[in-house]
C-alpha cells in the first residue's frame, strides 16, 4: 500500500518527521534561560540574564544568586555595567552568592583569609 502524498509531493511519513524536527527546533529556540526557568516566566528576546545563565545549569546557579541578591537587584546591576564586563560580573556575583550560602557571615572573605594564611605560611618557611 502506497503512503499518502502531501500537497508538496512528499510522503506522509517524511512530512511528519520534518514537522517534528521543526517543532523540536522551535522548542529549543523558545526554551527559557536558566534564570527565567527558575523564576517561572517567559524568556523574552532581550532577557538580561539569558547570555549568562544557560538553560542547562543556569537555573541552579541563578537560584543562589537570586536567594542572596534578588533578581531585581542583579538585573539593575547588570544594566549599569558595560556589556563587555557583564560576564565577569556574573561570574563574580555567582561566586559570592555560593560563598554566602556556605558561609553567611564572611562569604568569600573567609576564602581570601584562608589563602592569605597559606601564603603567609609558605613565605615564612
PDB file of N, CA and C in Angstrom:
ATOM      1  N   UNK A   1       0.839  -1.177   0.000  1.00  0.00           N
ATOM      2  CA  UNK A   1       0.000   0.000   0.000  1.00  0.00           C
ATOM      3  C   UNK A   1       0.887   1.244   0.000  1.00  0.00           C
ATOM      4  N   UNK A   2       0.626   2.173  -0.871  1.00  0.00           N
ATOM      5  CA  UNK A   2       1.442   3.382  -1.015  1.00  0.00           C
ATOM      6  C   UNK A   2       1.083   4.382   0.070  1.00  0.00           C
ATOM      7  N   UNK A   3       2.121   5.151   0.503  1.00  0.00           N
ATOM      8  CA  UNK A   3       1.877   6.170   1.522  1.00  0.00           C
ATOM      9  C   UNK A   3       1.178   7.366   0.898  1.00  0.00           C
ATOM     10  N   UNK A   4       0.324   8.018   1.662  1.00  0.00           N
ATOM     11  CA  UNK A   4      -0.354   9.193   1.121  1.00  0.00           C
ATOM     12  C   UNK A   4       0.621  10.318   0.851  1.00  0.00           C
ATOM     13  N   UNK A   5       0.346  11.073  -0.176  1.00  0.00           N
ATOM     14  CA  UNK A   5       1.202  12.191  -0.560  1.00  0.00           C
ATOM     15  C   UNK A   5       0.657  13.471   0.061  1.00  0.00           C
ATOM     16  N   UNK A   6       1.573  14.349   0.503  1.00  0.00           N
ATOM     17  CA  UNK A   6       1.140  15.654   0.987  1.00  0.00           C
ATOM     18  C   UNK A   6       1.029  16.594  -0.207  1.00  0.00           C
ATOM     19  N   UNK A   7       0.627  17.810   0.061  1.00  0.00           N
ATOM     20  CA  UNK A   7       0.444  18.788  -1.016  1.00  0.00           C
ATOM     21  C   UNK A   7       1.730  19.061  -1.789  1.00  0.00           C
ATOM     22  N   UNK A   8       2.890  18.961  -1.111  1.00  0.00           N
ATOM     23  CA  UNK A   8       4.154  19.262  -1.791  1.00  0.00           C
ATOM     24  C   UNK A   8       4.772  18.034  -2.449  1.00  0.00           C
ATOM     25  N   UNK A   9       4.062  16.886  -2.422  1.00  0.00           N
ATOM     26  CA  UNK A   9       4.537  15.701  -3.111  1.00  0.00           C
ATOM     27  C   UNK A   9       5.368  14.774  -2.256  1.00  0.00           C
ATOM     28  N   UNK A  10       5.638  15.107  -0.974  1.00  0.00           N
ATOM     29  CA  UNK A  10       6.406  14.222  -0.110  1.00  0.00           C
ATOM     30  C   UNK A  10       5.467  13.227   0.545  1.00  0.00           C
ATOM     31  N   UNK A  11       6.018  12.111   0.987  1.00  0.00           N
ATOM     32  CA  UNK A  11       5.179  11.112   1.636  1.00  0.00           C
ATOM     33  C   UNK A  11       4.775  11.604   3.017  1.00  0.00           C
ATOM     34  N   UNK A  12       3.725  11.042   3.547  1.00  0.00           N
ATOM     35  CA  UNK A  12       3.204  11.450   4.854  1.00  0.00           C
ATOM     36  C   UNK A  12       4.204  11.234   5.969  1.00  0.00           C
ATOM     37  N   UNK A  13       4.975  10.125   5.913  1.00  0.00           N
ATOM     38  CA  UNK A  13       5.941   9.821   6.961  1.00  0.00           C
ATOM     39  C   UNK A  13       7.060  10.859   7.006  1.00  0.00           C
ATOM     40  N   UNK A  14       7.613  11.193   5.849  1.00  0.00           N
ATOM     41  CA  UNK A  14       8.704  12.168   5.843  1.00  0.00           C
ATOM     42  C   UNK A  14       8.198  13.557   6.208  1.00  0.00           C
ATOM     43  N   UNK A  15       6.955  13.856   5.871  1.00  0.00           N
ATOM     44  CA  UNK A  15       6.391  15.148   6.240  1.00  0.00           C
ATOM     45  C   UNK A  15       6.242  15.238   7.749  1.00  0.00           C
ATOM     46  N   UNK A  16       5.781  14.136   8.398  1.00  0.00           N
ATOM     47  CA  UNK A  16       5.641  14.122   9.856  1.00  0.00           C
ATOM     48  C   UNK A  16       6.998  14.276  10.540  1.00  0.00           C
ATOM     49  N   UNK A  17       8.026  13.602  10.011  1.00  0.00           N
ATOM     50  CA  UNK A  17       9.373  13.711  10.584  1.00  0.00           C
ATOM     51  C   UNK A  17       9.889  15.136  10.467  1.00  0.00           C
ATOM     52  N   UNK A  18       9.671  15.750   9.320  1.00  0.00           N
ATOM     53  CA  UNK A  18      10.109  17.139   9.124  1.00  0.00           C
ATOM     54  C   UNK A  18       9.373  18.067  10.070  1.00  0.00           C
ATOM     55  N   UNK A  19       8.074  17.829  10.262  1.00  0.00           N
ATOM     56  CA  UNK A  19       7.292  18.664  11.168  1.00  0.00           C
ATOM     57  C   UNK A  19       7.788  18.499  12.605  1.00  0.00           C
ATOM     58  N   UNK A  20       8.115  17.245  13.010  1.00  0.00           N
ATOM     59  CA  UNK A  20       8.654  17.009  14.350  1.00  0.00           C
ATOM     60  C   UNK A  20       9.991  17.723  14.528  1.00  0.00           C
ATOM     61  N   UNK A  21      10.833  17.714  13.513  1.00  0.00           N
ATOM     62  CA  UNK A  21      12.134  18.375  13.587  1.00  0.00           C
ATOM     63  C   UNK A  21      11.959  19.880  13.743  1.00  0.00           C
ATOM     64  N   UNK A  22      11.017  20.468  13.010  1.00  0.00           N
ATOM     65  CA  UNK A  22      10.763  21.904  13.126  1.00  0.00           C
ATOM     66  C   UNK A  22      10.223  22.213  14.507  1.00  0.00           C
ATOM     67  N   UNK A  23       9.322  21.390  15.013  1.00  0.00           N
ATOM     68  CA  UNK A  23       8.753  21.615  16.332  1.00  0.00           C
ATOM     69  C   UNK A  23       9.840  21.531  17.403  1.00  0.00           C
ATOM     70  N   UNK A  24      10.757  20.574  17.292  1.00  0.00           N
ATOM     71  CA  UNK A  24      11.845  20.450  18.259  1.00  0.00           C
ATOM     72  C   UNK A  24      12.770  21.665  18.189  1.00  0.00           C
ATOM     73  N   UNK A  25      13.042  22.153  16.979  1.00  0.00           N
ATOM     74  CA  UNK A  25      13.889  23.339  16.825  1.00  0.00           C
ATOM     75  C   UNK A  25      13.207  24.565  17.412  1.00  0.00           C
ATOM     76  N   UNK A  26      11.904  24.683  17.200  1.00  0.00           N
ATOM     77  CA  UNK A  26      11.164  25.807  17.789  1.00  0.00           C
ATOM     78  C   UNK A  26      11.181  25.727  19.301  1.00  0.00           C
ATOM     79  N   UNK A  27      11.024  24.531  19.842  1.00  0.00           N
ATOM     80  CA  UNK A  27      11.035  24.356  21.295  1.00  0.00           C
ATOM     81  C   UNK A  27      12.391  24.729  21.878  1.00  0.00           C
ATOM     82  N   UNK A  28      13.473  24.346  21.197  1.00  0.00           N
ATOM     83  CA  UNK A  28      14.813  24.690  21.677  1.00  0.00           C
ATOM     84  C   UNK A  28      15.038  26.193  21.632  1.00  0.00           C
ATOM     85  N   UNK A  29      14.540  26.834  20.580  1.00  0.00           N
ATOM     86  CA  UNK A  29      14.704  28.281  20.453  1.00  0.00           C
ATOM     87  C   UNK A  29      13.856  29.016  21.480  1.00  0.00           C
ATOM     88  N   UNK A  30      12.718  28.448  21.846  1.00  0.00           N
ATOM     89  CA  UNK A  30      11.820  29.095  22.792  1.00  0.00           C
ATOM     90  C   UNK A  30      12.108  28.698  24.236  1.00  0.00           C
ATOM     91  N   UNK A  31      13.090  27.822  24.467  1.00  0.00           N
ATOM     92  CA  UNK A  31      13.408  27.380  25.818  1.00  0.00           C
ATOM     93  C   UNK A  31      13.898  28.566  26.634  1.00  0.00           C
ATOM     94  N   UNK A  32      13.385  28.711  27.835  1.00  0.00           N
ATOM     95  CA  UNK A  32      13.813  29.853  28.663  1.00  0.00           C
ATOM     96  C   UNK A  32      15.241  29.668  29.169  1.00  0.00           C
ATOM     97  N   UNK A  33      15.885  30.774  29.460  1.00  0.00           N
ATOM     98  CA  UNK A  33      17.217  30.700  30.062  1.00  0.00           C
ATOM     99  C   UNK A  33      17.062  30.165  31.488  1.00  0.00           C
ATOM    100  N   UNK A  34      18.164  29.859  32.127  1.00  0.00           N
ATOM    101  CA  UNK A  34      18.118  29.307  33.474  1.00  0.00           C
ATOM    102  C   UNK A  34      17.448  30.224  34.474  1.00  0.00           C
ATOM    103  N   UNK A  35      17.658  31.526  34.329  1.00  0.00           N
ATOM    104  CA  UNK A  35      17.053  32.483  35.252  1.00  0.00           C
ATOM    105  C   UNK A  35      15.536  32.515  35.081  1.00  0.00           C
ATOM    106  N   UNK A  36      15.090  32.594  33.842  1.00  0.00           N
ATOM    107  CA  UNK A  36      13.644  32.626  33.586  1.00  0.00           C
ATOM    108  C   UNK A  36      12.998  31.301  33.946  1.00  0.00           C
ATOM    109  N   UNK A  37      13.736  30.224  33.756  1.00  0.00           N
ATOM    110  CA  UNK A  37      13.229  28.910  34.146  1.00  0.00           C
ATOM    111  C   UNK A  37      13.027  28.878  35.660  1.00  0.00           C
ATOM    112  N   UNK A  38      14.001  29.381  36.401  1.00  0.00           N
ATOM    113  CA  UNK A  38      13.899  29.416  37.857  1.00  0.00           C
ATOM    114  C   UNK A  38      12.765  30.331  38.316  1.00  0.00           C
ATOM    115  N   UNK A  39      12.635  31.488  37.660  1.00  0.00           N
ATOM    116  CA  UNK A  39      11.597  32.452  38.027  1.00  0.00           C
ATOM    117  C   UNK A  39      10.224  32.084  37.460  1.00  0.00           C
ATOM    118  N   UNK A  40      10.186  31.035  36.632  1.00  0.00           N
ATOM    119  CA  UNK A  40       8.960  30.551  36.002  1.00  0.00           C
ATOM    120  C   UNK A  40       8.256  31.640  35.216  1.00  0.00           C
ATOM    121  N   UNK A  41       9.044  32.256  34.352  1.00  0.00           N
ATOM    122  CA  UNK A  41       8.482  33.281  33.487  1.00  0.00           C
ATOM    123  C   UNK A  41       8.952  33.047  32.059  1.00  0.00           C
ATOM    124  N   UNK A  42       8.289  33.711  31.123  1.00  0.00           N
ATOM    125  CA  UNK A  42       8.663  33.573  29.722  1.00  0.00           C
ATOM    126  C   UNK A  42       9.952  34.349  29.488  1.00  0.00           C
ATOM    127  N   UNK A  43      10.870  33.725  28.773  1.00  0.00           N
ATOM    128  CA  UNK A  43      12.154  34.368  28.463  1.00  0.00           C
ATOM    129  C   UNK A  43      11.980  35.161  27.165  1.00  0.00           C
ATOM    130  N   UNK A  44      12.060  36.464  27.264  1.00  0.00           N
ATOM    131  CA  UNK A  44      11.891  37.327  26.092  1.00  0.00           C
ATOM    132  C   UNK A  44      13.214  37.461  25.346  1.00  0.00           C
ATOM    133  N   UNK A  45      13.155  37.977  24.143  1.00  0.00           N
ATOM    134  CA  UNK A  45      14.352  38.039  23.295  1.00  0.00           C
ATOM    135  C   UNK A  45      15.462  38.911  23.879  1.00  0.00           C
ATOM    136  N   UNK A  46      15.151  39.932  24.622  1.00  0.00           N
ATOM    137  CA  UNK A  46      16.182  40.805  25.183  1.00  0.00           C
ATOM    138  C   UNK A  46      16.473  40.521  26.644  1.00  0.00           C
ATOM    139  N   UNK A  47      16.238  39.318  27.092  1.00  0.00           N
ATOM    140  CA  UNK A  47      16.415  38.960  28.506  1.00  0.00           C
ATOM    141  C   UNK A  47      17.852  39.252  28.953  1.00  0.00           C
ATOM    142  N   UNK A  48      17.988  40.014  30.010  1.00  0.00           N
ATOM    143  CA  UNK A  48      19.303  40.408  30.522  1.00  0.00           C
ATOM    144  C   UNK A  48      20.078  39.208  31.062  1.00  0.00           C
ATOM    145  N   UNK A  49      19.365  38.169  31.526  1.00  0.00           N
ATOM    146  CA  UNK A  49      20.022  37.008  32.124  1.00  0.00           C
ATOM    147  C   UNK A  49      20.411  35.930  31.112  1.00  0.00           C
ATOM    148  N   UNK A  50      19.758  35.889  29.960  1.00  0.00           N
ATOM    149  CA  UNK A  50      19.924  34.787  29.002  1.00  0.00           C
ATOM    150  C   UNK A  50      21.378  34.524  28.593  1.00  0.00           C
ATOM    151  N   UNK A  51      22.189  35.545  28.309  1.00  0.00           N
ATOM    152  CA  UNK A  51      23.567  35.237  27.885  1.00  0.00           C
ATOM    153  C   UNK A  51      24.442  34.639  28.994  1.00  0.00           C
ATOM    154  N   UNK A  52      24.032  34.782  30.240  1.00  0.00           N
ATOM    155  CA  UNK A  52      24.903  34.414  31.349  1.00  0.00           C
ATOM    156  C   UNK A  52      24.417  33.217  32.156  1.00  0.00           C
ATOM    157  N   UNK A  53      23.140  32.891  32.057  1.00  0.00           N
ATOM    158  CA  UNK A  53      22.580  31.750  32.778  1.00  0.00           C
ATOM    159  C   UNK A  53      21.934  30.829  31.752  1.00  0.00           C
ATOM    160  N   UNK A  54      22.712  29.855  31.261  1.00  0.00           N
ATOM    161  CA  UNK A  54      22.229  28.965  30.213  1.00  0.00           C
ATOM    162  C   UNK A  54      21.085  28.097  30.722  1.00  0.00           C
ATOM    163  N   UNK A  55      20.418  27.458  29.794  1.00  0.00           N
ATOM    164  CA  UNK A  55      19.280  26.609  30.147  1.00  0.00           C
ATOM    165  C   UNK A  55      19.710  25.424  31.001  1.00  0.00           C
ATOM    166  N   UNK A  56      20.846  24.831  30.704  1.00  0.00           N
ATOM    167  CA  UNK A  56      21.263  23.591  31.363  1.00  0.00           C
ATOM    168  C   UNK A  56      21.501  23.752  32.863  1.00  0.00           C
ATOM    169  N   UNK A  57      22.542  24.430  33.237  1.00  0.00           N
ATOM    170  CA  UNK A  57      22.885  24.560  34.653  1.00  0.00           C
ATOM    171  C   UNK A  57      22.659  25.962  35.195  1.00  0.00           C
ATOM    172  N   UNK A  58      22.134  26.830  34.359  1.00  0.00           N
ATOM    173  CA  UNK A  58      21.912  28.211  34.763  1.00  0.00           C
ATOM    174  C   UNK A  58      20.876  28.387  35.851  1.00  0.00           C
ATOM    175  N   UNK A  59      19.877  27.522  35.879  1.00  0.00           N
ATOM    176  CA  UNK A  59      18.827  27.646  36.889  1.00  0.00           C
ATOM    177  C   UNK A  59      19.399  27.424  38.288  1.00  0.00           C
ATOM    178  N   UNK A  60      20.273  26.444  38.429  1.00  0.00           N
ATOM    179  CA  UNK A  60      20.874  26.176  39.743  1.00  0.00           C
ATOM    180  C   UNK A  60      21.783  27.321  40.169  1.00  0.00           C
ATOM    181  N   UNK A  61      22.590  27.843  39.229  1.00  0.00           N
ATOM    182  CA  UNK A  61      23.461  28.975  39.557  1.00  0.00           C
ATOM    183  C   UNK A  61      22.633  30.212  39.893  1.00  0.00           C
ATOM    184  N   UNK A  62      21.574  30.428  39.107  1.00  0.00           N
ATOM    185  CA  UNK A  62      20.751  31.607  39.338  1.00  0.00           C
ATOM    186  C   UNK A  62      19.990  31.503  40.655  1.00  0.00           C
ATOM    187  N   UNK A  63      19.646  30.305  41.075  1.00  0.00           N
ATOM    188  CA  UNK A  63      18.931  30.124  42.343  1.00  0.00           C
ATOM    189  C   UNK A  63      19.734  30.717  43.503  1.00  0.00           C
ATOM    190  N   UNK A  64      21.031  30.458  43.515  1.00  0.00           N
ATOM    191  CA  UNK A  64      21.886  31.003  44.572  1.00  0.00           C
ATOM    192  C   UNK A  64      21.975  32.519  44.471  1.00  0.00           C
ATOM    193  N   UNK A  65      22.145  33.022  43.260  1.00  0.00           N
ATOM    194  CA  UNK A  65      22.238  34.475  43.041  1.00  0.00           C
ATOM    195  C   UNK A  65      20.936  35.153  43.481  1.00  0.00           C
ATOM    196  N   UNK A  66      19.818  34.559  43.109  1.00  0.00           N
ATOM    197  CA  UNK A  66      18.514  35.131  43.463  1.00  0.00           C
ATOM    198  C   UNK A  66      18.295  35.116  44.972  1.00  0.00           C
ATOM    199  N   UNK A  67      18.692  34.028  45.615  1.00  0.00           N
ATOM    200  CA  UNK A  67      18.484  33.914  47.068  1.00  0.00           C
ATOM    201  C   UNK A  67      19.296  34.953  47.840  1.00  0.00           C
ATOM    202  N   UNK A  68      20.510  35.211  47.386  1.00  0.00           N
ATOM    203  CA  UNK A  68      21.393  36.136  48.105  1.00  0.00           C
ATOM    204  C   UNK A  68      21.129  37.593  47.718  1.00  0.00           C
ATOM    205  N   UNK A  69      21.023  37.875  46.419  1.00  0.00           N
ATOM    206  CA  UNK A  69      20.951  39.256  45.952  1.00  0.00           C
ATOM    207  C   UNK A  69      19.574  39.689  45.447  1.00  0.00           C
ATOM    208  N   UNK A  70      18.784  38.751  44.953  1.00  0.00           N
ATOM    209  CA  UNK A  70      17.489  39.083  44.361  1.00  0.00           C
ATOM    210  C   UNK A  70      17.615  39.360  42.873  1.00  0.00           C
ATOM    211  N   UNK A  71      16.646  38.897  42.119  1.00  0.00           N
ATOM    212  CA  UNK A  71      16.686  39.043  40.663  1.00  0.00           C
ATOM    213  C   UNK A  71      16.655  40.503  40.236  1.00  0.00           C
ATOM    214  N   UNK A  72      15.849  41.292  40.886  1.00  0.00           N
ATOM    215  CA  UNK A  72      15.726  42.700  40.515  1.00  0.00           C
ATOM    216  C   UNK A  72      17.044  43.450  40.708  1.00  0.00           C
ATOM    217  N   UNK A  73      17.697  43.212  41.830  1.00  0.00           N
ATOM    218  CA  UNK A  73      18.975  43.888  42.096  1.00  0.00           C
ATOM    219  C   UNK A  73      20.048  43.483  41.088  1.00  0.00           C
ATOM    220  N   UNK A  74      20.104  42.196  40.766  1.00  0.00           N
ATOM    221  CA  UNK A  74      21.103  41.722  39.806  1.00  0.00           C
ATOM    222  C   UNK A  74      20.803  42.291  38.426  1.00  0.00           C
ATOM    223  N   UNK A  75      19.537  42.327  38.065  1.00  0.00           N
ATOM    224  CA  UNK A  75      19.140  42.894  36.772  1.00  0.00           C
ATOM    225  C   UNK A  75      19.561  44.360  36.683  1.00  0.00           C
ATOM    226  N   UNK A  76      19.285  45.137  37.709  1.00  0.00           N
ATOM    227  CA  UNK A  76      19.668  46.555  37.728  1.00  0.00           C
ATOM    228  C   UNK A  76      21.189  46.717  37.658  1.00  0.00           C
ATOM    229  N   UNK A  77      21.894  45.867  38.380  1.00  0.00           N
ATOM    230  CA  UNK A  77      23.351  45.923  38.380  1.00  0.00           C
ATOM    231  C   UNK A  77      23.909  45.644  36.987  1.00  0.00           C
ATOM    232  N   UNK A  78      23.407  44.585  36.345  1.00  0.00           N
ATOM    233  CA  UNK A  78      23.897  44.225  35.011  1.00  0.00           C
ATOM    234  C   UNK A  78      23.601  45.308  33.986  1.00  0.00           C
ATOM    235  N   UNK A  79      22.479  45.973  34.118  1.00  0.00           N
ATOM    236  CA  UNK A  79      22.136  47.038  33.173  1.00  0.00           C
ATOM    237  C   UNK A  79      23.073  48.239  33.300  1.00  0.00           C
ATOM    238  N   UNK A  80      23.677  48.425  34.465  1.00  0.00           N
ATOM    239  CA  UNK A  80      24.578  49.557  34.685  1.00  0.00           C
ATOM    240  C   UNK A  80      26.018  49.255  34.282  1.00  0.00           C
ATOM    241  N   UNK A  81      26.316  47.984  34.027  1.00  0.00           N
ATOM    242  CA  UNK A  81      27.679  47.573  33.678  1.00  0.00           C
ATOM    243  C   UNK A  81      27.795  47.493  32.163  1.00  0.00           C
ATOM    244  N   UNK A  82      28.906  47.945  31.590  1.00  0.00           N
ATOM    245  CA  UNK A  82      29.092  47.808  30.138  1.00  0.00           C
ATOM    246  C   UNK A  82      29.016  46.334  29.724  1.00  0.00           C
ATOM    247  N   UNK A  83      28.476  46.097  28.546  1.00  0.00           N
ATOM    248  CA  UNK A  83      28.235  44.736  28.064  1.00  0.00           C
ATOM    249  C   UNK A  83      29.508  43.896  28.082  1.00  0.00           C
ATOM    250  N   UNK A  84      30.642  44.480  27.756  1.00  0.00           N
ATOM    251  CA  UNK A  84      31.888  43.713  27.708  1.00  0.00           C
ATOM    252  C   UNK A  84      32.400  43.292  29.091  1.00  0.00           C
ATOM    253  N   UNK A  85      31.822  43.819  30.167  1.00  0.00           N
ATOM    254  CA  UNK A  85      32.235  43.445  31.527  1.00  0.00           C
ATOM    255  C   UNK A  85      31.189  42.614  32.258  1.00  0.00           C
ATOM    256  N   UNK A  86      30.060  42.380  31.633  1.00  0.00           N
ATOM    257  CA  UNK A  86      28.963  41.681  32.316  1.00  0.00           C
ATOM    258  C   UNK A  86      29.294  40.236  32.640  1.00  0.00           C
ATOM    259  N   UNK A  87      29.984  39.542  31.759  1.00  0.00           N
ATOM    260  CA  UNK A  87      30.321  38.138  32.025  1.00  0.00           C
ATOM    261  C   UNK A  87      31.169  38.029  33.285  1.00  0.00           C
ATOM    262  N   UNK A  88      32.152  38.899  33.431  1.00  0.00           N
ATOM    263  CA  UNK A  88      32.987  38.893  34.639  1.00  0.00           C
ATOM    264  C   UNK A  88      32.153  39.202  35.878  1.00  0.00           C
ATOM    265  N   UNK A  89      31.223  40.137  35.740  1.00  0.00           N
ATOM    266  CA  UNK A  89      30.359  40.490  36.866  1.00  0.00           C
ATOM    267  C   UNK A  89      29.485  39.310  37.283  1.00  0.00           C
ATOM    268  N   UNK A  90      28.947  38.589  36.312  1.00  0.00           N
ATOM    269  CA  UNK A  90      28.094  37.439  36.625  1.00  0.00           C
ATOM    270  C   UNK A  90      28.901  36.338  37.304  1.00  0.00           C
ATOM    271  N   UNK A  91      30.112  36.099  36.837  1.00  0.00           N
ATOM    272  CA  UNK A  91      30.977  35.093  37.472  1.00  0.00           C
ATOM    273  C   UNK A  91      31.248  35.491  38.920  1.00  0.00           C
ATOM    274  N   UNK A  92      31.555  36.753  39.137  1.00  0.00           N
ATOM    275  CA  UNK A  92      31.844  37.248  40.485  1.00  0.00           C
ATOM    276  C   UNK A  92      30.614  37.169  41.381  1.00  0.00           C
ATOM    277  N   UNK A  93      29.470  37.585  40.871  1.00  0.00           N
ATOM    278  CA  UNK A  93      28.220  37.542  41.641  1.00  0.00           C
ATOM    279  C   UNK A  93      27.868  36.100  41.990  1.00  0.00           C
ATOM    280  N   UNK A  94      28.027  35.206  41.041  1.00  0.00           N
ATOM    281  CA  UNK A  94      27.718  33.788  41.275  1.00  0.00           C
ATOM    282  C   UNK A  94      28.646  33.204  42.343  1.00  0.00           C
ATOM    283  N   UNK A  95      29.926  33.543  42.257  1.00  0.00           N
ATOM    284  CA  UNK A  95      30.887  33.046  43.240  1.00  0.00           C
ATOM    285  C   UNK A  95      30.552  33.574  44.639  1.00  0.00           C
ATOM    286  N   UNK A  96      30.262  34.853  44.722  1.00  0.00           N
ATOM    287  CA  UNK A  96      29.922  35.444  46.021  1.00  0.00           C
ATOM    288  C   UNK A  96      28.641  34.847  46.575  1.00  0.00           C
ATOM    289  N   UNK A  97      27.656  34.613  45.717  1.00  0.00           N
ATOM    290  CA  UNK A  97      26.394  34.022  46.178  1.00  0.00           C
ATOM    291  C   UNK A  97      26.635  32.625  46.743  1.00  0.00           C
ATOM    292  N   UNK A  98      27.425  31.812  46.053  1.00  0.00           N
ATOM    293  CA  UNK A  98      27.740  30.474  46.554  1.00  0.00           C
ATOM    294  C   UNK A  98      28.495  30.553  47.879  1.00  0.00           C
ATOM    295  N   UNK A  99      29.429  31.488  47.971  1.00  0.00           N
ATOM    296  CA  UNK A  99      30.204  31.646  49.201  1.00  0.00           C
ATOM    297  C   UNK A  99      29.305  32.112  50.348  1.00  0.00           C
ATOM    298  N   UNK A 100      28.376  33.015  50.071  1.00  0.00           N
ATOM    299  CA  UNK A 100      27.450  33.497  51.105  1.00  0.00           C
ATOM    300  C   UNK A 100      26.529  32.396  51.602  1.00  0.00           C
ATOM    301  N   UNK A 101      26.133  31.504  50.710  1.00  0.00           N
ATOM    302  CA  UNK A 101      25.270  30.401  51.127  1.00  0.00           C
ATOM    303  C   UNK A 101      26.017  29.406  52.007  1.00  0.00           C
ATOM    304  N   UNK A 102      27.300  29.194  51.712  1.00  0.00           N
ATOM    305  CA  UNK A 102      28.068  28.267  52.538  1.00  0.00           C
ATOM    306  C   UNK A 102      28.627  28.927  53.799  1.00  0.00           C
ATOM    307  N   UNK A 103      28.858  30.228  53.775  1.00  0.00           N
ATOM    308  CA  UNK A 103      29.334  30.967  54.958  1.00  0.00           C
ATOM    309  C   UNK A 103      28.628  32.310  54.990  1.00  0.00           C
ATOM    310  N   UNK A 104      27.444  32.354  55.625  1.00  0.00           N
ATOM    311  CA  UNK A 104      26.620  33.575  55.586  1.00  0.00           C
ATOM    312  C   UNK A 104      27.275  34.810  56.213  1.00  0.00           C
ATOM    313  N   UNK A 105      28.193  34.625  57.124  1.00  0.00           N
ATOM    314  CA  UNK A 105      28.806  35.773  57.796  1.00  0.00           C
ATOM    315  C   UNK A 105      29.917  36.389  56.954  1.00  0.00           C
ATOM    316  N   UNK A 106      30.866  35.585  56.532  1.00  0.00           N
ATOM    317  CA  UNK A 106      32.043  36.104  55.835  1.00  0.00           C
ATOM    318  C   UNK A 106      31.988  35.993  54.316  1.00  0.00           C
ATOM    319  N   UNK A 107      31.216  35.058  53.790  1.00  0.00           N
ATOM    320  CA  UNK A 107      31.146  34.897  52.339  1.00  0.00           C
ATOM    321  C   UNK A 107      32.503  34.548  51.762  1.00  0.00           C
ATOM    322  N   UNK A 108      32.882  35.211  50.678  1.00  0.00           N
ATOM    323  CA  UNK A 108      34.162  34.894  50.034  1.00  0.00           C
ATOM    324  C   UNK A 108      35.351  35.429  50.823  1.00  0.00           C
ATOM    325  N   UNK A 109      35.127  36.285  51.803  1.00  0.00           N
ATOM    326  CA  UNK A 109      36.230  36.812  52.613  1.00  0.00           C
ATOM    327  C   UNK A 109      36.917  35.682  53.369  1.00  0.00           C
ATOM    328  N   UNK A 110      36.159  34.671  53.809  1.00  0.00           N
ATOM    329  CA  UNK A 110      36.784  33.545  54.508  1.00  0.00           C
ATOM    330  C   UNK A 110      37.748  32.804  53.583  1.00  0.00           C
ATOM    331  N   UNK A 111      37.408  32.682  52.312  1.00  0.00           N
ATOM    332  CA  UNK A 111      38.305  32.047  51.340  1.00  0.00           C
ATOM    333  C   UNK A 111      39.562  32.891  51.152  1.00  0.00           C
ATOM    334  N   UNK A 112      39.391  34.198  51.063  1.00  0.00           N
ATOM    335  CA  UNK A 112      40.531  35.106  50.897  1.00  0.00           C
ATOM    336  C   UNK A 112      41.452  35.028  52.112  1.00  0.00           C
ATOM    337  N   UNK A 113      40.875  35.012  53.305  1.00  0.00           N
ATOM    338  CA  UNK A 113      41.688  34.918  54.521  1.00  0.00           C
ATOM    339  C   UNK A 113      42.449  33.592  54.575  1.00  0.00           C
ATOM    340  N   UNK A 114      41.801  32.501  54.192  1.00  0.00           N
ATOM    341  CA  UNK A 114      42.469  31.195  54.187  1.00  0.00           C
ATOM    342  C   UNK A 114      43.629  31.191  53.197  1.00  0.00           C
ATOM    343  N   UNK A 115      43.435  31.791  52.041  1.00  0.00           N
ATOM    344  CA  UNK A 115      44.513  31.867  51.054  1.00  0.00           C
ATOM    345  C   UNK A 115      45.663  32.754  51.549  1.00  0.00           C
ATOM    346  N   UNK A 116      45.326  33.847  52.213  1.00  0.00           N
ATOM    347  CA  UNK A 116      46.374  34.709  52.769  1.00  0.00           C
ATOM    348  C   UNK A 116      47.194  33.965  53.814  1.00  0.00           C
ATOM    349  N   UNK A 117      46.528  33.174  54.648  1.00  0.00           N
ATOM    350  CA  UNK A 117      47.249  32.392  55.659  1.00  0.00           C
ATOM    351  C   UNK A 117      48.181  31.378  55.005  1.00  0.00           C
ATOM    352  N   UNK A 118      47.715  30.763  53.915  1.00  0.00           N
ATOM    353  CA  UNK A 118      48.579  29.802  53.214  1.00  0.00           C
ATOM    354  C   UNK A 118      49.806  30.500  52.650  1.00  0.00           C
ATOM    355  N   UNK A 119      49.618  31.665  52.064  1.00  0.00           N
ATOM    356  CA  UNK A 119      50.746  32.412  51.510  1.00  0.00           C
ATOM    357  C   UNK A 119      51.702  32.828  52.621  1.00  0.00           C
ATOM    358  N   UNK A 120      51.158  33.273  53.730  1.00  0.00           N
ATOM    359  CA  UNK A 120      51.983  33.695  54.863  1.00  0.00           C
ATOM    360  C   UNK A 120      52.812  32.519  55.394  1.00  0.00           C
ATOM    361  N   UNK A 121      52.163  31.344  55.502  1.00  0.00           N
ATOM    362  CA  UNK A 121      52.879  30.162  55.987  1.00  0.00           C
ATOM    363  C   UNK A 121      53.977  29.746  55.014  1.00  0.00           C
ATOM    364  N   UNK A 122      53.712  29.850  53.733  1.00  0.00           N
ATOM    365  CA  UNK A 122      54.702  29.449  52.724  1.00  0.00           C
ATOM    366  C   UNK A 122      55.876  30.424  52.704  1.00  0.00           C
ATOM    367  N   UNK A 123      55.614  31.701  52.922  1.00  0.00           N
ATOM    368  CA  UNK A 123      56.702  32.681  52.878  1.00  0.00           C
ATOM    369  C   UNK A 123      57.558  32.651  54.141  1.00  0.00           C
ATOM    370  N   UNK A 124      57.013  32.133  55.244  1.00  0.00           N
ATOM    371  CA  UNK A 124      57.785  32.098  56.482  1.00  0.00           C
ATOM    372  C   UNK A 124      58.627  30.834  56.596  1.00  0.00           C
ATOM    373  N   UNK A 125      58.451  29.902  55.678  1.00  0.00           N
ATOM    374  CA  UNK A 125      59.239  28.647  55.714  1.00  0.00           C
ATOM    375  C   UNK A 125      60.643  28.853  55.281  1.00  0.00           C
TER     376      UNK A 125
END
